[in-house]
C-alpha atoms as a PDB file:
ATOM      1  CA  MET A   1     125.032  99.938 111.677  1.00  0.00           C
ATOM      2  CA  LYS A   2     121.112 100.107 112.450  1.00  0.00           C
ATOM      3  CA  ILE A   3     119.262  98.508 109.577  1.00  0.00           C
ATOM      4  CA  GLY A   4     115.422  98.720 109.543  1.00  0.00           C
ATOM      5  CA  ILE A   5     113.180  96.980 107.199  1.00  0.00           C
ATOM      6  CA  LEU A   6     109.675  98.697 106.222  1.00  0.00           C
ATOM      7  CA  THR A   7     107.142  96.437 104.993  1.00  0.00           C
ATOM      8  CA  HIS A   8     103.554  94.887 105.542  1.00  0.00           C
ATOM      9  CA  HIS A   9     104.472  92.836 108.554  1.00  0.00           C
ATOM     10  CA  THR A  10     101.630  93.623 110.514  1.00  0.00           C
ATOM     11  CA  ILE A  11      99.252  92.060 108.046  1.00  0.00           C
ATOM     12  CA  ASN A  12      97.624  88.781 109.262  1.00  0.00           C
ATOM     13  CA  ASN A  13      98.627  86.778 106.433  1.00  0.00           C
ATOM     14  CA  PHE A  14     101.244  83.829 106.048  1.00  0.00           C
ATOM     15  CA  GLY A  15     102.923  85.204 103.175  1.00  0.00           C
ATOM     16  CA  ALA A  16     103.277  88.589 104.538  1.00  0.00           C
ATOM     17  CA  PHE A  17     104.593  87.352 107.903  1.00  0.00           C
ATOM     18  CA  LEU A  18     107.011  84.578 106.179  1.00  0.00           C
ATOM     19  CA  GLN A  19     108.464  87.393 103.697  1.00  0.00           C
ATOM     20  CA  ALA A  20     109.022  89.811 106.919  1.00  0.00           C
ATOM     21  CA  TRP A  21     110.591  87.016 108.822  1.00  0.00           C
ATOM     22  CA  ALA A  22     112.802  85.926 105.857  1.00  0.00           C
ATOM     23  CA  LEU A  23     114.163  89.076 105.021  1.00  0.00           C
ATOM     24  CA  GLN A  24     115.042  90.208 108.690  1.00  0.00           C
ATOM     25  CA  GLU A  25     117.047  86.632 109.109  1.00  0.00           C
ATOM     26  CA  LYS A  26     118.818  87.280 105.723  1.00  0.00           C
ATOM     27  CA  CYS A  27     119.786  90.475 106.891  1.00  0.00           C
ATOM     28  CA  LYS A  28     120.960  88.948 110.261  1.00  0.00           C
ATOM     29  CA  ALA A  29     123.082  86.312 108.553  1.00  0.00           C
ATOM     30  CA  LEU A  30     124.575  89.041 105.976  1.00  0.00           C
ATOM     31  CA  PHE A  31     125.445  91.565 108.755  1.00  0.00           C
ATOM     32  CA  PRO A  32     125.970  89.496 112.043  1.00  0.00           C
ATOM     33  CA  ASN A  33     127.618  92.386 113.595  1.00  0.00           C
ATOM     34  CA  ASP A  34     124.763  94.952 113.198  1.00  0.00           C
ATOM     35  CA  ASP A  35     121.459  95.774 114.341  1.00  0.00           C
ATOM     36  CA  VAL A  36     118.702  94.477 112.235  1.00  0.00           C
ATOM     37  CA  CYS A  37     114.784  95.221 113.053  1.00  0.00           C
ATOM     38  CA  ILE A  38     111.803  95.312 111.480  1.00  0.00           C
ATOM     39  CA  ILE A  39     110.336  99.057 111.754  1.00  0.00           C
ATOM     40  CA  ASN A  40     107.070  98.649 113.792  1.00  0.00           C
ATOM     41  CA  TYR A  41     104.804 101.022 111.285  1.00  0.00           C
ATOM     42  CA  VAL A  42     101.199 100.825 112.384  1.00  0.00           C
ATOM     43  CA  ASP A  43      98.678 101.693 109.694  1.00  0.00           C
ATOM     44  CA  VAL A  44      95.714 101.732 111.959  1.00  0.00           C
ATOM     45  CA  LYS A  45      93.179 101.736 108.599  1.00  0.00           C
ATOM     46  CA  GLN A  46      95.024  98.699 106.850  1.00  0.00           C
ATOM     47  CA  ASN A  47      95.031  96.798 109.836  1.00  0.00           C
ATOM     48  CA  ILE A  48      91.328  97.161 110.938  1.00  0.00           C
ATOM     49  CA  ILE A  49      90.368  96.259 107.354  1.00  0.00           C
ATOM     50  CA  ASN A  50      92.652  93.374 107.521  1.00  0.00           C
ATOM     51  CA  ILE A  51      91.467  91.834 110.951  1.00  0.00           C
ATOM     52  CA  GLY A  52      87.687  92.461 109.655  1.00  0.00           C
ATOM     53  CA  GLY A  53      88.019  90.027 107.196  1.00  0.00           C
ATOM     54  CA  PHE A  54      88.334  87.121 109.695  1.00  0.00           C
ATOM     55  CA  PHE A  55      85.151  87.589 110.957  1.00  0.00           C
ATOM     56  CA  ARG A  56      83.147  87.141 107.753  1.00  0.00           C
ATOM     57  CA  PHE A  57      81.025  83.851 107.838  1.00  0.00           C
ATOM     58  CA  TYR A  58      80.615  81.754 104.767  1.00  0.00           C
ATOM     59  CA  PRO A  59      77.848  79.507 105.189  1.00  0.00           C
ATOM     60  CA  GLY A  60      78.326  77.760 102.129  1.00  0.00           C
ATOM     61  CA  ALA A  61      81.812  76.597 103.092  1.00  0.00           C
ATOM     62  CA  GLU A  62      82.440  77.034 106.806  1.00  0.00           C
ATOM     63  CA  THR A  63      80.496  75.812 109.871  1.00  0.00           C
ATOM     64  CA  PRO A  64      80.298  77.654 113.408  1.00  0.00           C
ATOM     65  CA  ALA A  65      82.908  75.692 114.991  1.00  0.00           C
ATOM     66  CA  SER A  66      85.510  76.395 111.987  1.00  0.00           C
ATOM     67  CA  TRP A  67      84.632  80.194 112.202  1.00  0.00           C
ATOM     68  CA  LEU A  68      85.540  80.135 116.067  1.00  0.00           C
ATOM     69  CA  GLN A  69      88.525  78.599 115.053  1.00  0.00           C
ATOM     70  CA  LYS A  70      89.297  81.247 112.312  1.00  0.00           C
ATOM     71  CA  ILE A  71      88.763  84.340 114.315  1.00  0.00           C
ATOM     72  CA  THR A  72      91.358  83.089 116.519  1.00  0.00           C
ATOM     73  CA  GLN A  73      94.271  83.587 113.917  1.00  0.00           C
ATOM     74  CA  PRO A  74      94.868  87.273 114.132  1.00  0.00           C
ATOM     75  CA  GLY A  75      95.925  86.486 117.781  1.00  0.00           C
ATOM     76  CA  ILE A  76      98.352  83.603 116.606  1.00  0.00           C
ATOM     77  CA  PHE A  77      99.749  86.179 113.965  1.00  0.00           C
ATOM     78  CA  ALA A  78     100.291  88.744 116.856  1.00  0.00           C
ATOM     79  CA  ASN A  79     102.100  86.327 119.347  1.00  0.00           C
ATOM     80  CA  ALA A  80     104.230  84.925 116.135  1.00  0.00           C
ATOM     81  CA  ARG A  81     105.464  88.461 115.316  1.00  0.00           C
ATOM     82  CA  LYS A  82     106.152  88.941 119.416  1.00  0.00           C
ATOM     83  CA  LYS A  83     108.172  85.819 119.030  1.00  0.00           C
ATOM     84  CA  TYR A  84     109.872  86.035 115.805  1.00  0.00           C
ATOM     85  CA  PHE A  85     110.289  89.712 115.020  1.00  0.00           C
ATOM     86  CA  ARG A  86     112.905  92.151 116.509  1.00  0.00           C
ATOM     87  CA  LEU A  87     110.532  95.204 116.363  1.00  0.00           C
ATOM     88  CA  SER A  88     111.314  98.630 116.644  1.00  0.00           C
ATOM     89  CA  LYS A  89     109.278 100.864 119.089  1.00  0.00           C
ATOM     90  CA  THR A  90     105.782 101.405 117.288  1.00  0.00           C
ATOM     91  CA  VAL A  91     105.824 104.402 114.885  1.00  0.00           C
ATOM     92  CA  HIS A  92     103.242 106.198 112.642  1.00  0.00           C
ATOM     93  CA  ASN A  93     104.869 108.538 110.151  1.00  0.00           C
ATOM     94  CA  ALA A  94     108.090 109.430 108.694  1.00  0.00           C
ATOM     95  CA  GLU A  95     109.193 111.868 111.309  1.00  0.00           C
ATOM     96  CA  GLU A  96     108.944 108.715 114.210  1.00  0.00           C
ATOM     97  CA  ILE A  97     110.911 106.656 111.948  1.00  0.00           C
ATOM     98  CA  ASN A  98     113.351 109.127 111.384  1.00  0.00           C
ATOM     99  CA  ALA A  99     114.096 109.561 115.094  1.00  0.00           C
ATOM    100  CA  LEU A 100     114.858 105.662 115.283  1.00  0.00           C
ATOM    101  CA  GLY A 101     118.371 106.939 114.012  1.00  0.00           C
ATOM    102  CA  LEU A 102     118.683 104.183 111.328  1.00  0.00           C
ATOM    103  CA  ASP A 103     121.907 103.945 109.024  1.00  0.00           C
ATOM    104  CA  CYS A 104     119.821 101.847 106.474  1.00  0.00           C
ATOM    105  CA  ILE A 105     116.351 101.390 105.585  1.00  0.00           C
ATOM    106  CA  ILE A 106     115.151  98.352 103.536  1.00  0.00           C
ATOM    107  CA  ILE A 107     111.543  99.088 101.785  1.00  0.00           C
ATOM    108  CA  GLY A 108     109.909  95.697 100.862  1.00  0.00           C
ATOM    109  CA  SER A 109     109.003  93.019 100.016  1.00  0.00           C
ATOM    110  CA  ASP A 110     105.293  92.249  99.167  1.00  0.00           C
ATOM    111  CA  GLU A 111     103.016  94.722  97.640  1.00  0.00           C
ATOM    112  CA  VAL A 112     104.890  97.678  99.093  1.00  0.00           C
ATOM    113  CA  TRP A 113     104.702  99.613  95.870  1.00  0.00           C
ATOM    114  CA  ASN A 114     100.993  98.954  95.023  1.00  0.00           C
ATOM    115  CA  TYR A 115      99.583 102.657  94.655  1.00  0.00           C
ATOM    116  CA  LEU A 116      96.374 101.562  93.440  1.00  0.00           C
ATOM    117  CA  ASP A 117      95.664  99.962  96.837  1.00  0.00           C
ATOM    118  CA  PRO A 118      93.806 102.273  99.118  1.00  0.00           C
ATOM    119  CA  LYS A 119      93.962 100.138 102.196  1.00  0.00           C
ATOM    120  CA  SER A 120      98.116 100.560 102.142  1.00  0.00           C
ATOM    121  CA  PHE A 121      98.982 103.200 100.041  1.00  0.00           C
ATOM    122  CA  THR A 122     101.174 105.671 101.733  1.00  0.00           C
ATOM    123  CA  LEU A 123     104.287 107.436 100.095  1.00  0.00           C
ATOM    124  CA  LEU A 124     106.235 106.677 103.356  1.00  0.00           C
ATOM    125  CA  LYS A 125     106.922 103.141 100.999  1.00  0.00           C
ATOM    126  CA  TYR A 126     108.503 105.170  98.189  1.00  0.00           C
ATOM    127  CA  SER A 127     110.902 106.813 100.483  1.00  0.00           C
ATOM    128  CA  ALA A 128     108.726 110.150 101.109  1.00  0.00           C
ATOM    129  CA  GLY A 129     110.048 112.199 104.307  1.00  0.00           C
ATOM    130  CA  LEU A 130     112.684 109.618 105.161  1.00  0.00           C
ATOM    131  CA  THR A 131     115.896 111.269 105.911  1.00  0.00           C
ATOM    132  CA  CYS A 132     118.145 108.142 106.265  1.00  0.00           C
ATOM    133  CA  GLU A 133     121.419 107.840 104.392  1.00  0.00           C
ATOM    134  CA  ARG A 134     120.798 104.849 102.489  1.00  0.00           C
ATOM    135  CA  ILE A 135     117.102 103.867 101.538  1.00  0.00           C
ATOM    136  CA  ILE A 136     116.964 100.658  99.547  1.00  0.00           C
ATOM    137  CA  SER A 137     114.352  98.487  97.952  1.00  0.00           C
ATOM    138  CA  TYR A 138     114.142  94.734  98.121  1.00  0.00           C
ATOM    139  CA  ALA A 139     111.939  92.988  95.988  1.00  0.00           C
ATOM    140  CA  PRO A 140     108.853  95.275  96.242  1.00  0.00           C
ATOM    141  CA  SER A 141     105.728  94.070  94.226  1.00  0.00           C
ATOM    142  CA  THR A 142     103.366  96.789  92.589  1.00  0.00           C
ATOM    143  CA  GLY A 143     100.242  94.097  92.656  1.00  0.00           C
ATOM    144  CA  LYS A 144      97.635  95.196  90.234  1.00  0.00           C
ATOM    145  CA  ALA A 145      99.385  98.467  89.529  1.00  0.00           C
ATOM    146  CA  SER A 146     101.172  98.473  85.878  1.00  0.00           C
ATOM    147  CA  GLY A 147     104.090 100.785  87.324  1.00  0.00           C
ATOM    148  CA  GLU A 148     103.205 102.930  84.162  1.00  0.00           C
ATOM    149  CA  ASP A 149     100.686 105.174  85.583  1.00  0.00           C
ATOM    150  CA  ALA A 150     101.993 106.036  89.126  1.00  0.00           C
ATOM    151  CA  PRO A 151     100.805 109.219  90.498  1.00  0.00           C
ATOM    152  CA  GLU A 152     103.396 112.268  90.312  1.00  0.00           C
ATOM    153  CA  ALA A 153     103.932 112.286  94.048  1.00  0.00           C
ATOM    154  CA  VAL A 154     104.933 108.417  93.927  1.00  0.00           C
ATOM    155  CA  ARG A 155     107.407 109.425  91.104  1.00  0.00           C
ATOM    156  CA  ALA A 156     109.123 112.193  93.015  1.00  0.00           C
ATOM    157  CA  ALA A 157     109.224 110.276  96.298  1.00  0.00           C
ATOM    158  CA  MET A 158     111.293 107.554  94.354  1.00  0.00           C
ATOM    159  CA  LYS A 159     114.113 109.967  94.123  1.00  0.00           C
ATOM    160  CA  GLY A 160     115.287 109.191  97.868  1.00  0.00           C
ATOM    161  CA  PHE A 161     116.301 105.564  97.006  1.00  0.00           C
ATOM    162  CA  SER A 162     119.935 105.059  96.760  1.00  0.00           C
ATOM    163  CA  ALA A 163     119.660 101.653  95.410  1.00  0.00           C
ATOM    164  CA  VAL A 164     116.291  99.624  93.807  1.00  0.00           C
ATOM    165  CA  SER A 165     115.524  96.154  93.274  1.00  0.00           C
ATOM    166  CA  ALA A 166     112.168  94.860  91.727  1.00  0.00           C
ATOM    167  CA  ARG A 167     110.346  91.133  92.097  1.00  0.00           C
ATOM    168  CA  ASP A 168     107.805  91.929  89.395  1.00  0.00           C
ATOM    169  CA  ALA A 169     107.369  93.643  86.094  1.00  0.00           C
ATOM    170  CA  GLY A 170     105.396  96.420  87.379  1.00  0.00           C
ATOM    171  CA  ALA A 171     107.905  97.419  89.746  1.00  0.00           C
ATOM    172  CA  VAL A 172     110.644  97.296  86.985  1.00  0.00           C
ATOM    173  CA  LYS A 173     108.474  99.665  84.957  1.00  0.00           C
ATOM    174  CA  LEU A 174     107.743 101.814  87.731  1.00  0.00           C
ATOM    175  CA  CYS A 175     111.590 102.217  88.465  1.00  0.00           C
ATOM    176  CA  GLU A 176     112.229 102.799  84.738  1.00  0.00           C
ATOM    177  CA  ASN A 177     109.543 105.448  84.467  1.00  0.00           C
ATOM    178  CA  ALA A 178     110.308 107.154  87.852  1.00  0.00           C
ATOM    179  CA  LEU A 179     113.583 106.822  88.274  1.00  0.00           C
ATOM    180  CA  GLY A 180     115.017 106.217  84.390  1.00  0.00           C
ATOM    181  CA  ILE A 181     116.802 102.872  85.484  1.00  0.00           C
ATOM    182  CA  THR A 182     116.338  99.612  85.253  1.00  0.00           C
ATOM    183  CA  PRO A 183     116.112  98.038  88.817  1.00  0.00           C
ATOM    184  CA  THR A 184     118.078  94.625  89.645  1.00  0.00           C
ATOM    185  CA  VAL A 185     115.335  91.823  89.801  1.00  0.00           C
ATOM    186  CA  VAL A 186     115.681  89.578  92.830  1.00  0.00           C
ATOM    187  CA  CYS A 187     113.778  86.745  94.254  1.00  0.00           C
ATOM    188  CA  ASP A 188     110.838  87.124  96.819  1.00  0.00           C
ATOM    189  CA  PRO A 189     112.917  87.008 100.278  1.00  0.00           C
ATOM    190  CA  THR A 190     111.343  83.669 101.106  1.00  0.00           C
ATOM    191  CA  PHE A 191     113.529  81.886  98.736  1.00  0.00           C
ATOM    192  CA  LEU A 192     116.643  83.379 100.842  1.00  0.00           C
ATOM    193  CA  THR A 193     116.023  81.962 104.039  1.00  0.00           C
ATOM    194  CA  PRO A 194     114.767  78.408 104.801  1.00  0.00           C
ATOM    195  CA  THR A 195     111.667  78.075 107.542  1.00  0.00           C
ATOM    196  CA  PRO A 196     112.273  75.835 110.576  1.00  0.00           C
ATOM    197  CA  LYS A 197     110.507  72.385 110.016  1.00  0.00           C
ATOM    198  CA  VAL A 198     107.936  71.417 112.530  1.00  0.00           C
ATOM    199  CA  ASN A 199     106.836  67.911 114.116  1.00  0.00           C
ATOM    200  CA  ASN A 200     104.578  68.752 116.812  1.00  0.00           C
ATOM    201  CA  GLU A 201     101.526  66.821 117.395  1.00  0.00           C
ATOM    202  CA  LYS A 202      99.340  68.952 115.528  1.00  0.00           C
ATOM    203  CA  ILE A 203     101.327  68.481 112.443  1.00  0.00           C
ATOM    204  CA  LYS A 204     101.476  64.834 112.969  1.00  0.00           C
ATOM    205  CA  ALA A 205      97.556  64.507 113.611  1.00  0.00           C
ATOM    206  CA  LEU A 206      96.993  66.433 110.453  1.00  0.00           C
ATOM    207  CA  THR A 207      99.568  64.761 108.291  1.00  0.00           C
ATOM    208  CA  LYS A 208      99.315  61.126 109.408  1.00  0.00           C
ATOM    209  CA  LYS A 209      97.447  60.336 106.073  1.00  0.00           C
ATOM    210  CA  PRO A 210      98.540  61.527 102.552  1.00  0.00           C
ATOM    211  CA  TYR A 211      96.444  64.487 101.591  1.00  0.00           C
ATOM    212  CA  ILE A 212      96.380  67.297  98.975  1.00  0.00           C
ATOM    213  CA  LEU A 213      96.198  71.038  99.978  1.00  0.00           C
ATOM    214  CA  PHE A 214      93.999  73.690  98.963  1.00  0.00           C
ATOM    215  CA  TYR A 215      95.045  77.334  99.578  1.00  0.00           C
ATOM    216  CA  TYR A 216      92.950  80.267  98.937  1.00  0.00           C
ATOM    217  CA  CYS A 217      91.404  79.280  95.451  1.00  0.00           C
ATOM    218  CA  ASN A 218      89.294  82.335  95.610  1.00  0.00           C
ATOM    219  CA  GLY A 219      86.237  82.289  93.182  1.00  0.00           C
ATOM    220  CA  MET A 220      86.787  78.206  92.024  1.00  0.00           C
ATOM    221  CA  PRO A 221      83.212  76.918  91.272  1.00  0.00           C
ATOM    222  CA  HIS A 222      82.000  74.479  94.058  1.00  0.00           C
ATOM    223  CA  VAL A 223      81.202  71.969  91.334  1.00  0.00           C
ATOM    224  CA  LEU A 224      84.979  71.966  90.308  1.00  0.00           C
ATOM    225  CA  LYS A 225      86.257  72.062  93.771  1.00  0.00           C
ATOM    226  CA  LYS A 226      84.057  69.216  94.707  1.00  0.00           C
ATOM    227  CA  LYS A 227      85.310  67.263  91.664  1.00  0.00           C
ATOM    228  CA  ILE A 228      88.609  67.628  92.796  1.00  0.00           C
ATOM    229  CA  ALA A 229      88.141  66.618  96.204  1.00  0.00           C
ATOM    230  CA  ASP A 230      85.938  63.538  95.608  1.00  0.00           C
ATOM    231  CA  ASN A 231      88.731  62.336  93.451  1.00  0.00           C
ATOM    232  CA  ALA A 232      91.216  62.860  95.931  1.00  0.00           C
ATOM    233  CA  LYS A 233      89.117  61.156  98.640  1.00  0.00           C
ATOM    234  CA  ALA A 234      88.575  57.976  95.976  1.00  0.00           C
ATOM    235  CA  LYS A 235      92.333  57.601  95.648  1.00  0.00           C
ATOM    236  CA  GLY A 236      92.599  57.359  99.313  1.00  0.00           C
ATOM    237  CA  TYR A 237      93.865  60.902 100.125  1.00  0.00           C
ATOM    238  CA  ALA A 238      92.625  63.220 102.831  1.00  0.00           C
ATOM    239  CA  VAL A 239      91.495  66.976 101.558  1.00  0.00           C
ATOM    240  CA  LEU A 240      93.101  69.556 103.816  1.00  0.00           C
ATOM    241  CA  GLY A 241      93.383  73.478 103.488  1.00  0.00           C
ATOM    242  CA  ALA A 242      96.430  75.752 104.530  1.00  0.00           C
ATOM    243  CA  GLY A 243      95.038  77.432 107.301  1.00  0.00           C
ATOM    244  CA  GLU A 244      91.314  77.685 105.741  1.00  0.00           C
ATOM    245  CA  TYR A 245      88.551  75.394 106.086  1.00  0.00           C
ATOM    246  CA  ASP A 246      85.764  74.261 103.622  1.00  0.00           C
ATOM    247  CA  LYS A 247      83.054  71.571 104.134  1.00  0.00           C
ATOM    248  CA  LEU A 248      84.933  69.568 101.551  1.00  0.00           C
ATOM    249  CA  TYR A 249      88.048  69.026 103.503  1.00  0.00           C
ATOM    250  CA  THR A 250      88.241  66.006 105.604  1.00  0.00           C
ATOM    251  CA  GLU A 251      90.211  67.809 108.543  1.00  0.00           C
ATOM    252  CA  MET A 252      89.814  71.338 110.243  1.00  0.00           C
ATOM    253  CA  SER A 253      93.412  72.539 109.563  1.00  0.00           C
ATOM    254  CA  ILE A 254      93.249  76.283 110.808  1.00  0.00           C
ATOM    255  CA  LYS A 255      94.493  77.941 113.923  1.00  0.00           C
ATOM    256  CA  LEU A 256      98.129  77.596 112.421  1.00  0.00           C
ATOM    257  CA  THR A 257     101.350  79.259 113.169  1.00  0.00           C
ATOM    258  CA  PRO A 258     103.213  80.541 109.781  1.00  0.00           C
ATOM    259  CA  PHE A 259     105.556  77.714 110.352  1.00  0.00           C
ATOM    260  CA  GLU A 260     102.962  75.158 110.671  1.00  0.00           C
ATOM    261  CA  TRP A 261     101.414  76.512 107.359  1.00  0.00           C
ATOM    262  CA  VAL A 262     104.692  75.972 105.555  1.00  0.00           C
ATOM    263  CA  GLU A 263     104.982  72.376 106.951  1.00  0.00           C
ATOM    264  CA  LEU A 264     101.744  71.515 105.482  1.00  0.00           C
ATOM    265  CA  PHE A 265     103.189  72.370 101.911  1.00  0.00           C
ATOM    266  CA  ARG A 266     106.244  70.418 102.556  1.00  0.00           C
ATOM    267  CA  ARG A 267     104.187  67.350 103.451  1.00  0.00           C
ATOM    268  CA  ALA A 268     101.293  67.684 100.952  1.00  0.00           C
ATOM    269  CA  GLU A 269     101.136  65.216  98.108  1.00  0.00           C
ATOM    270  CA  TYR A 270      99.853  67.928  95.590  1.00  0.00           C
ATOM    271  CA  VAL A 271      98.858  71.718  95.970  1.00  0.00           C
ATOM    272  CA  TYR A 272      95.762  73.709  94.570  1.00  0.00           C
ATOM    273  CA  THR A 273      96.449  77.473  95.204  1.00  0.00           C
ATOM    274  CA  GLY A 274      95.215  80.864  94.039  1.00  0.00           C
ATOM    275  CA  THR A 275      98.033  82.863  95.680  1.00  0.00           C
ATOM    276  CA  PHE A 276     101.597  84.140  94.982  1.00  0.00           C
ATOM    277  CA  HIS A 277     103.034  82.783  98.164  1.00  0.00           C
ATOM    278  CA  GLY A 278     101.127  79.574  97.702  1.00  0.00           C
ATOM    279  CA  VAL A 279     102.787  78.977  94.731  1.00  0.00           C
ATOM    280  CA  VAL A 280     106.432  80.033  95.916  1.00  0.00           C
ATOM    281  CA  PHE A 281     105.935  77.367  99.029  1.00  0.00           C
ATOM    282  CA  SER A 282     104.870  74.905  96.464  1.00  0.00           C
ATOM    283  CA  ILE A 283     108.011  75.744  94.434  1.00  0.00           C
ATOM    284  CA  LEU A 284     110.327  75.820  98.039  1.00  0.00           C
ATOM    285  CA  ALA A 285     108.647  72.302  98.925  1.00  0.00           C
ATOM    286  CA  ARG A 286     109.411  70.852  95.145  1.00  0.00           C
ATOM    287  CA  LYS A 287     105.580  69.909  95.116  1.00  0.00           C
ATOM    288  CA  ASN A 288     103.403  69.685  91.746  1.00  0.00           C
ATOM    289  CA  PHE A 289     100.486  72.469  92.060  1.00  0.00           C
ATOM    290  CA  ARG A 290      97.602  73.676  90.327  1.00  0.00           C
ATOM    291  CA  VAL A 291      96.605  77.512  89.995  1.00  0.00           C
ATOM    292  CA  TYR A 292      93.303  79.182  90.363  1.00  0.00           C
ATOM    293  CA  ALA A 293      93.577  82.805  90.489  1.00  0.00           C
ATOM    294  CA  SER A 294      90.791  84.999  89.895  1.00  0.00           C
ATOM    295  CA  ILE A 295      92.266  88.502  91.872  1.00  0.00           C
ATOM    296  CA  ASP A 296      93.891  90.512  89.245  1.00  0.00           C
ATOM    297  CA  SER A 297      97.003  91.385  91.238  1.00  0.00           C
ATOM    298  CA  ARG A 298      97.309  87.514  92.027  1.00  0.00           C
ATOM    299  CA  VAL A 299      97.041  86.585  88.657  1.00  0.00           C
ATOM    300  CA  ARG A 300     100.160  89.234  87.385  1.00  0.00           C
ATOM    301  CA  LYS A 301     102.151  87.859  90.438  1.00  0.00           C
ATOM    302  CA  ILE A 302     101.680  84.287  89.714  1.00  0.00           C
ATOM    303  CA  SER A 303     101.939  84.567  85.943  1.00  0.00           C
ATOM    304  CA  ALA A 304     104.877  86.259  86.344  1.00  0.00           C
ATOM    305  CA  SER A 305     106.770  83.924  88.613  1.00  0.00           C
ATOM    306  CA  LEU A 306     105.837  80.913  86.678  1.00  0.00           C
ATOM    307  CA  GLY A 307     107.189  82.692  83.564  1.00  0.00           C
ATOM    308  CA  GLN A 308     110.549  83.673  85.448  1.00  0.00           C
ATOM    309  CA  PHE A 309     111.073  80.149  86.841  1.00  0.00           C
ATOM    310  CA  GLY A 310     110.338  78.397  83.317  1.00  0.00           C
ATOM    311  CA  ILE A 311     107.441  76.339  84.942  1.00  0.00           C
ATOM    312  CA  GLY A 312     104.936  77.470  82.345  1.00  0.00           C
ATOM    313  CA  ASP A 313     101.046  77.341  82.601  1.00  0.00           C
ATOM    314  CA  ARG A 314      99.894  75.594  85.801  1.00  0.00           C
ATOM    315  CA  SER A 315      96.378  76.867  85.311  1.00  0.00           C
ATOM    316  CA  LEU A 316      93.385  74.773  86.881  1.00  0.00           C
ATOM    317  CA  THR A 317      90.318  74.112  84.754  1.00  0.00           C
ATOM    318  CA  GLU A 318      87.682  71.587  84.205  1.00  0.00           C
ATOM    319  CA  ASP A 319      89.969  69.601  81.825  1.00  0.00           C
ATOM    320  CA  ALA A 320      93.170  69.999  83.611  1.00  0.00           C
ATOM    321  CA  TYR A 321      93.140  69.180  87.448  1.00  0.00           C
ATOM    322  CA  ASP A 322      94.912  65.965  87.600  1.00  0.00           C
ATOM    323  CA  MET A 323      97.866  65.089  90.131  1.00  0.00           C
ATOM    324  CA  ASP A 324     100.061  63.478  87.368  1.00  0.00           C
ATOM    325  CA  ASN A 325     101.812  66.363  85.491  1.00  0.00           C
ATOM    326  CA  PRO A 326     105.222  66.833  87.146  1.00  0.00           C
ATOM    327  CA  ILE A 327     107.435  69.923  87.363  1.00  0.00           C
ATOM    328  CA  ASP A 328     111.110  69.459  86.410  1.00  0.00           C
ATOM    329  CA  TYR A 329     112.621  71.093  89.532  1.00  0.00           C
ATOM    330  CA  ASP A 330     115.966  70.460  88.865  1.00  0.00           C
ATOM    331  CA  SER A 331     115.871  72.813  85.777  1.00  0.00           C
ATOM    332  CA  VAL A 332     113.829  75.406  87.702  1.00  0.00           C
ATOM    333  CA  TYR A 333     116.444  75.240  90.727  1.00  0.00           C
ATOM    334  CA  ARG A 334     119.301  75.935  88.219  1.00  0.00           C
ATOM    335  CA  TYR A 335     117.665  79.358  88.006  1.00  0.00           C
ATOM    336  CA  ILE A 336     116.641  79.604  91.363  1.00  0.00           C
ATOM    337  CA  ASP A 337     119.752  79.161  92.808  1.00  0.00           C
ATOM    338  CA  LYS A 338     121.369  81.707  90.371  1.00  0.00           C
ATOM    339  CA  LEU A 339     118.712  84.272  91.226  1.00  0.00           C
ATOM    340  CA  ARG A 340     119.319  83.639  95.183  1.00  0.00           C
ATOM    341  CA  ALA A 341     122.918  84.357  94.694  1.00  0.00           C
ATOM    342  CA  GLU A 342     122.409  87.421  92.768  1.00  0.00           C
ATOM    343  CA  SER A 343     119.628  88.658  95.074  1.00  0.00           C
ATOM    344  CA  SER A 344     121.977  88.062  98.122  1.00  0.00           C
ATOM    345  CA  ALA A 345     124.947  89.924  96.504  1.00  0.00           C
ATOM    346  CA  TYR A 346     122.544  92.879  95.773  1.00  0.00           C
ATOM    347  CA  LEU A 347     121.321  92.982  99.286  1.00  0.00           C
ATOM    348  CA  LEU A 348     124.753  92.879 100.689  1.00  0.00           C
ATOM    349  CA  GLN A 349     126.234  95.772  98.626  1.00  0.00           C
ATOM    350  CA  ALA A 350     123.058  97.804  98.673  1.00  0.00           C
ATOM    351  CA  VAL A 351     123.031  97.913 102.358  1.00  0.00           C
ATOM    352  CA  LYS A 352     126.829  98.806 102.600  1.00  0.00           C
ATOM    353  CA  GLY A 353     126.035 101.773 100.283  1.00  0.00           C
ATOM    354  CA  ALA A 354     128.576 100.477  97.102  1.00  0.00           C
ATOM    355  CA  GLU A 355     127.235 102.138  93.757  1.00  0.00           C
ATOM    356  CA  GLN A 356     124.453 100.353  92.129  1.00  0.00           C
END
């Protein structure tokens, strides 16, 4: 059987890379005798916009030296994709995907169903034009879209699915409105496949001293961020960014491979983040963390996950930024382990074509 995964694998983002890699590896483990690949679908517009963001300079936070390192990150992602992804030949439309001769196409994960995102929207990701015998979804997100106001073209395209699952409430609502069914709720694929540990010289140098970790707390007031950093330094901690840089940090921890990025979460004393996958990898590393999220799609995804896992509010505020607020991970993982088993079972049966 030939299995292809259609997702946002070309986006130069740690979470996007790791969810695609994790789903690929899980499928290889579930179907060891079959041919699993990531469909190398290239959306030129989306890629140009994504890469362009790495060339913006933020004078209040960055230095020329950190900017010169930052602009090399897309090349690091490109090399990682070549090394760790089994890619199909490059395709640009449904006709070229159909020519790959796949027996099953898995659409997801990440915001593949965010029909409000003009950078990435295409009816392909809702199965339009695909003639594969089995088309399933795995853990798609609608991002900031509610799932209740999808265009008619999206609803019509979704009738091509033979099985559907969802990662968030928006994707559940989309399936209910478009197909009249409630999809299986599954975990993000990063929960299904452990990432390899890294202990190279770069990681050893960055983590030689206990540290707190920031990862994209977009919009956090400088005064608050400085307060947190100064407090950490006073307690003897270094301050790092996970693939990002700010003049408040004590080390320049950028130019990271995706697996080096994960390792910074594993070794951190505490994490401050504003992204969904920042929260996910904090949970996977069993770290205490605070959330400062200002982008609507991230707020939705993070709030849903924290509620789903029974963690509750971890919002970062002027009065709640301390590192002494432990999470009961034994309780959290009782649910996660159950969800992992159910998610694996869905993936196994859906790819095989069992009735959902």
